[in-house]
Protein backbone atom coordinates (compact mmCIF):
# COMPACT_ATOMS: atom_id res chain seq x y z
CA MET A 1 6.19 -12.99 -16.79
CA ASN A 2 3.63 -14.23 -19.28
CA TYR A 3 2.19 -11.43 -21.44
CA ILE A 4 -1.16 -13.14 -22.12
CA LYS A 5 -1.64 -14.12 -18.47
CA GLU A 6 -1.02 -10.54 -17.34
CA LEU A 7 -3.57 -9.19 -19.87
CA ASN A 8 -6.20 -11.73 -18.80
CA ALA A 9 -5.54 -11.08 -15.13
CA PHE A 10 -5.93 -7.32 -15.69
CA GLU A 11 -9.27 -7.86 -17.43
CA ARG A 12 -10.50 -9.97 -14.51
CA TRP A 13 -9.25 -7.34 -12.06
CA LEU A 14 -11.26 -4.65 -13.88
CA GLU A 15 -14.45 -6.62 -13.24
CA THR A 16 -14.25 -5.74 -9.52
CA ASN A 17 -12.09 -2.59 -9.54
CA TYR A 18 -12.72 0.83 -11.06
CA LEU A 19 -10.05 2.41 -13.26
CA PRO A 20 -10.60 5.36 -15.66
CA ALA A 21 -10.26 4.63 -19.37
CA THR A 22 -7.10 6.76 -19.72
CA SER A 23 -5.43 4.84 -16.90
CA GLN A 24 -6.44 1.53 -18.49
CA LEU A 25 -4.86 2.54 -21.81
CA LEU A 26 -1.69 3.68 -20.03
CA TRP A 27 -1.47 0.28 -18.28
CA TYR A 28 -1.65 -1.53 -21.64
CA LYS A 29 1.04 0.72 -23.17
CA LEU A 30 3.43 0.34 -20.21
CA VAL A 31 2.99 -3.44 -20.16
CA ALA A 32 3.73 -3.51 -23.90
CA LEU A 33 6.98 -1.63 -23.24
CA PHE A 34 7.94 -4.10 -20.49
CA ASN A 35 7.25 -6.98 -22.88
CA ARG A 36 9.31 -5.31 -25.60
CA CYS A 37 12.20 -4.94 -23.13
CA GLY A 38 12.10 -8.59 -22.12
CA TRP A 39 10.43 -7.87 -18.75
CA ALA A 40 13.25 -5.81 -17.25
CA GLU A 41 12.69 -4.99 -13.58
CA TRP A 42 12.69 -1.21 -14.22
CA ILE A 43 12.16 0.82 -17.38
CA THR A 44 12.65 4.57 -17.81
CA VAL A 45 10.51 6.59 -20.22
CA ASP A 46 9.65 10.30 -20.33
CA ASN A 47 6.17 11.73 -19.99
CA GLN A 48 6.02 13.07 -23.56
CA ARG A 49 6.64 9.63 -25.07
CA LEU A 50 3.86 8.05 -22.96
CA MET A 51 1.51 10.94 -23.78
CA VAL A 52 2.02 10.24 -27.48
CA LEU A 53 1.36 6.52 -26.98
CA ILE A 54 -2.01 7.14 -25.29
CA GLN A 55 -2.79 10.23 -27.47
CA CYS A 56 -3.07 12.52 -24.44
CA LYS A 57 -2.48 16.25 -25.03
CA SER A 58 -2.63 17.41 -21.39
CA GLU A 59 0.28 16.50 -19.10
CA LYS A 60 -2.00 17.11 -16.11
CA THR A 61 -4.42 14.47 -17.41
CA PHE A 62 -1.52 12.08 -18.03
CA ILE A 63 -0.14 12.52 -14.50
CA ARG A 64 -3.59 11.86 -13.04
CA ALA A 65 -3.87 8.65 -15.10
CA ARG A 66 -0.40 7.55 -13.99
CA ASP A 67 -1.14 8.29 -10.31
CA ASN A 68 -4.27 6.12 -10.54
CA LEU A 69 -2.09 3.16 -11.54
CA ILE A 70 0.35 3.87 -8.72
CA GLU A 71 -2.38 4.23 -6.09
CA LYS A 72 -3.95 0.93 -7.21
CA GLY A 73 -0.59 -0.76 -6.70
CA LEU A 74 -0.18 -1.76 -10.35
CA PHE A 75 3.14 0.07 -10.82
CA VAL A 76 5.92 1.45 -8.63
CA TYR A 77 7.07 4.90 -9.74
CA ARG A 78 10.44 6.62 -9.29
CA LYS A 79 10.71 10.26 -10.28
CA GLY A 80 13.53 11.03 -12.68
CA LYS A 81 16.14 13.75 -12.56
CA LYS A 82 17.42 16.21 -15.12
CA GLY A 83 18.61 14.19 -18.11
CA SER A 84 17.12 10.96 -16.74
CA PRO A 85 13.42 10.11 -17.39
CA ASN A 86 11.00 8.74 -14.82
CA ALA A 87 11.35 5.03 -13.93
CA TYR A 88 8.58 2.43 -13.63
CA ARG A 89 8.45 -1.06 -12.12
CA MET A 90 5.53 -3.31 -13.01
CA VAL A 91 3.71 -5.20 -10.24
CA SER A 92 2.69 -8.56 -11.70
CA PHE A 93 -0.76 -9.90 -10.88
CA GLU A 94 0.99 -13.14 -9.94
CA THR A 95 2.36 -11.34 -6.84
CA ILE A 96 -0.94 -9.74 -5.80
CA ASN A 97 -2.56 -11.97 -3.17
CA PRO A 98 -6.19 -11.38 -2.13
CA VAL A 99 -6.72 -10.54 1.53
CA ASN A 100 -8.91 -12.95 3.45
CA ASN A 101 -11.36 -10.81 5.36
CA THR A 102 -13.36 -13.62 6.93
CA VAL A 103 -13.63 -13.76 10.70
CA ASN A 104 -13.75 -17.08 12.46
CA LEU A 105 -15.97 -16.62 15.52
CA PRO A 106 -15.74 -19.03 18.45
CA VAL A 107 -18.67 -21.38 18.93
CA PHE A 108 -20.59 -20.91 22.15
CA MET A 109 -21.91 -24.05 23.86
CA THR A 110 -25.35 -23.85 25.40
CA VAL A 111 -25.67 -25.25 28.90
CA GLU A 112 -28.93 -26.94 29.78
CA THR A 113 -29.74 -27.13 33.47
CA PRO A 114 -31.73 -30.28 34.23
CA VAL A 115 -34.74 -30.07 36.54
CA ASP A 116 -34.11 -32.20 39.59
CA PRO A 117 -36.37 -33.22 42.44
CA PRO A 118 -36.36 -31.14 45.65
CA VAL A 119 -33.10 -29.21 45.90
CA GLU A 120 -31.04 -29.23 49.03
CA THR A 121 -29.28 -26.12 50.36
CA THR A 122 -25.88 -27.43 49.26
CA ASP A 123 -27.23 -27.93 45.72
CA ILE A 124 -28.39 -24.29 45.56
CA ILE A 125 -24.93 -23.06 46.52
CA LYS A 126 -23.40 -25.31 43.87
CA GLN A 127 -25.78 -23.96 41.20
CA ILE A 128 -24.89 -20.38 42.12
CA LYS A 129 -21.19 -21.17 41.75
CA ASP A 130 -21.82 -22.91 38.41
CA GLN A 131 -23.79 -19.92 37.10
CA THR A 132 -21.00 -17.56 38.20
CA ILE A 133 -18.41 -19.62 36.34
CA LEU A 134 -20.63 -19.78 33.27
CA HIS A 135 -21.07 -15.99 33.31
CA LYS A 136 -17.29 -15.48 33.51
CA ASP A 137 -16.73 -17.87 30.60
CA LYS A 138 -19.27 -16.02 28.44
CA LYS A 139 -17.67 -12.67 29.28
CA LYS A 140 -14.23 -14.07 28.42
CA ASN A 141 -15.47 -15.41 25.06
CA HIS A 142 -17.15 -12.07 24.32
CA ASN A 143 -13.87 -10.25 24.92
CA MET A 144 -12.08 -12.70 22.62
CA VAL A 145 -14.56 -11.93 19.83
CA ASP A 146 -14.14 -8.18 20.33
CA GLY A 147 -10.36 -8.56 20.20
CA GLN A 148 -10.56 -10.56 16.96
CA ASN A 149 -12.89 -7.99 15.40
CA ASN A 150 -10.55 -5.13 16.36
CA ARG A 151 -7.54 -6.92 14.90
CA THR A 152 -9.47 -7.71 11.71
CA GLN A 153 -10.48 -4.05 11.31
CA ASP A 154 -6.84 -2.99 11.76
CA GLU A 155 -5.73 -5.48 9.10
CA GLN A 156 -8.44 -4.35 6.68
CA SER A 157 -7.41 -0.69 7.13
CA VAL A 158 -3.83 -1.35 5.98
CA ASP A 159 -3.31 -0.33 2.34
CA LEU A 160 -0.74 -3.01 1.42
CA PRO A 161 0.09 -1.83 -2.14
CA LEU A 162 0.62 1.78 -0.97
CA VAL A 163 2.76 0.64 1.97
CA GLY A 164 4.98 -1.36 -0.36
CA GLN A 165 5.37 1.54 -2.80
CA VAL A 166 6.23 4.08 -0.08
CA VAL A 167 8.75 1.84 1.70
CA ASP A 168 10.36 0.88 -1.62
CA TYR A 169 10.73 4.55 -2.58
CA LEU A 170 12.12 5.47 0.89
CA ASN A 171 14.72 2.69 0.71
CA HIS A 172 15.74 3.69 -2.81
CA SER A 173 15.98 7.43 -2.03
CA CYS A 174 17.68 7.20 1.37
CA GLN A 175 19.68 3.97 0.91
CA THR A 176 17.79 2.32 3.80
CA GLU A 177 16.41 -1.19 4.26
CA PHE A 178 13.07 -0.81 6.02
CA LYS A 179 10.52 -3.63 5.72
CA ALA A 180 7.01 -3.02 4.38
CA ALA A 181 5.76 -5.90 6.55
CA THR A 182 6.61 -4.10 9.81
CA VAL A 183 3.35 -3.47 11.67
CA ALA A 184 4.31 -0.01 12.98
CA THR A 185 5.39 1.18 9.52
CA SER A 186 2.22 -0.16 7.87
CA ARG A 187 -0.01 1.55 10.43
CA LEU A 188 1.75 4.92 10.03
CA ILE A 189 1.47 4.92 6.24
CA SER A 190 -2.13 3.66 6.30
CA ALA A 191 -3.10 6.29 8.89
CA ARG A 192 -1.85 9.07 6.61
CA ALA A 193 -3.61 7.44 3.64
CA GLN A 194 -6.90 7.46 5.57
CA GLU A 195 -6.38 11.20 6.10
CA GLY A 196 -6.42 11.66 2.33
CA PHE A 197 -2.72 11.66 1.46
CA GLY A 198 -1.54 9.75 -1.62
CA PHE A 199 1.72 8.33 -2.94
CA ASP A 200 2.86 11.66 -4.40
CA ASP A 201 2.55 13.26 -0.95
CA PHE A 202 4.76 10.58 0.62
CA ARG A 203 7.23 10.94 -2.24
CA ALA A 204 7.39 14.73 -1.78
CA VAL A 205 8.09 14.42 1.96
CA ILE A 206 10.79 11.78 1.37
CA ASP A 207 12.49 13.88 -1.33
CA THR A 208 12.42 17.04 0.80
CA LYS A 209 13.72 15.54 4.04
CA SER A 210 16.27 13.38 2.23
CA ALA A 211 17.74 16.47 0.56
CA GLU A 212 17.75 18.29 3.92
CA TRP A 213 19.01 15.55 6.27
CA ARG A 214 20.90 12.96 4.27
CA SER A 215 24.25 14.82 4.41
CA ASP A 216 23.79 15.80 8.06
CA PRO A 217 25.38 13.14 10.35
CA ARG A 218 23.15 14.24 13.24
CA MET A 219 19.86 14.31 11.33
CA ASN A 220 20.15 11.48 8.79
CA GLN A 221 19.16 8.97 11.49
CA TYR A 222 15.65 10.48 11.32
CA LEU A 223 15.12 9.41 7.71
CA ARG A 224 12.82 6.66 8.99
CA PRO A 225 9.08 5.92 8.83
CA GLN A 226 8.26 6.85 12.45
CA THR A 227 9.68 10.35 11.91
CA LEU A 228 8.67 11.07 8.31
CA PHE A 229 5.15 9.59 8.42
CA GLY A 230 4.19 10.48 11.99
CA THR A 231 2.25 13.44 13.38
CA LYS A 232 4.50 16.00 11.63
CA PHE A 233 3.82 14.56 8.16
CA GLU A 234 1.55 17.40 7.02
CA GLY A 235 4.09 20.00 8.14
CA TYR A 236 6.83 18.27 6.16
CA LEU A 237 4.50 18.11 3.15
CA ASN A 238 3.82 21.86 3.27
CA GLN A 239 7.57 22.43 3.46
CA SER A 240 8.08 20.25 0.39
CA ARG A 241 5.50 22.21 -1.60
CA LYS A 242 7.53 25.36 -1.02
CA LEU A 243 10.89 23.79 -1.87
CA LEU A 244 10.34 21.16 -4.59
CA PRO A 245 9.73 22.28 -8.22
CA SER A 246 6.68 20.98 -10.06
CA GLU A 247 7.12 18.05 -12.47
CA THR A 248 8.22 19.13 -15.95
CA ALA A 249 8.43 17.30 -19.25
CA LEU A 250 11.73 15.58 -20.12
CA PRO A 251 13.37 15.13 -23.56
CA ASN A 252 11.89 12.58 -25.95
CA GLY A 253 13.28 9.06 -25.96
CA TYR A 254 13.46 6.49 -23.21
CA ASN A 255 15.93 4.01 -21.77
CA TYR A 256 15.40 0.84 -19.81
CA ALA A 257 17.00 0.47 -16.39
CA GLY A 258 17.10 -2.19 -13.73
CA LYS A 259 18.29 -5.78 -14.04
CA GLY A 260 19.76 -6.22 -17.51
CA GLU A 261 19.79 -2.52 -18.49
CA ARG A 262 18.97 -1.97 -22.16
CA SER A 263 18.49 0.96 -24.50
CA LEU A 264 16.32 1.30 -27.58
């Protein structure tokens, strides 16, 4: 990655996207850490260290700033365990492709009926048949336009950064290999997102059901998007809120993980 290019791309991105000031500062500090590490794929750093870097006294405020970056698709987050800080993976602006939302509508051809001299009976029948065919063609074209509009709306409703984050976290947690590009998976995750659920909700459900089913030979087959993110998602989420502890601060100091693991 190129440090200067990433900074310039972030500034251009801010011109059309809203991000709170605390989240902006956190982005700069995390990118500086990635640069210091030589752009490792993953780095691990505890909340307290990042709070000091952005001069934030409230962990709740820090978590909200971090979640903003995750929801915008600027970082992928992996919750740490006891003795191991949280892990972050930077999403380079070079990999973020704008979605083309333009719709190419078919061009309708106008048919001009010439005025002829006295019309014979056979000509009238022919005109009726021609008008019937023309009406069917217009109806067919109209249905094609409606179908394209429906597909375009479905594509616009897919939250691509969130889908990638959720599938990446599911594969990491459950040792699976699901694809973020799968249409059914994208629609399930986007449907839950439209209902108001965020990345932390997906992460909580994955953590809870993974802990419950992963060691069960009969149930571990259900650690899949169509089960976890389907109609029972909210029920699983309520279960996770009862079982999973709230996020706590970890010891000071951070390590870098991922390709070419390093320590400072």
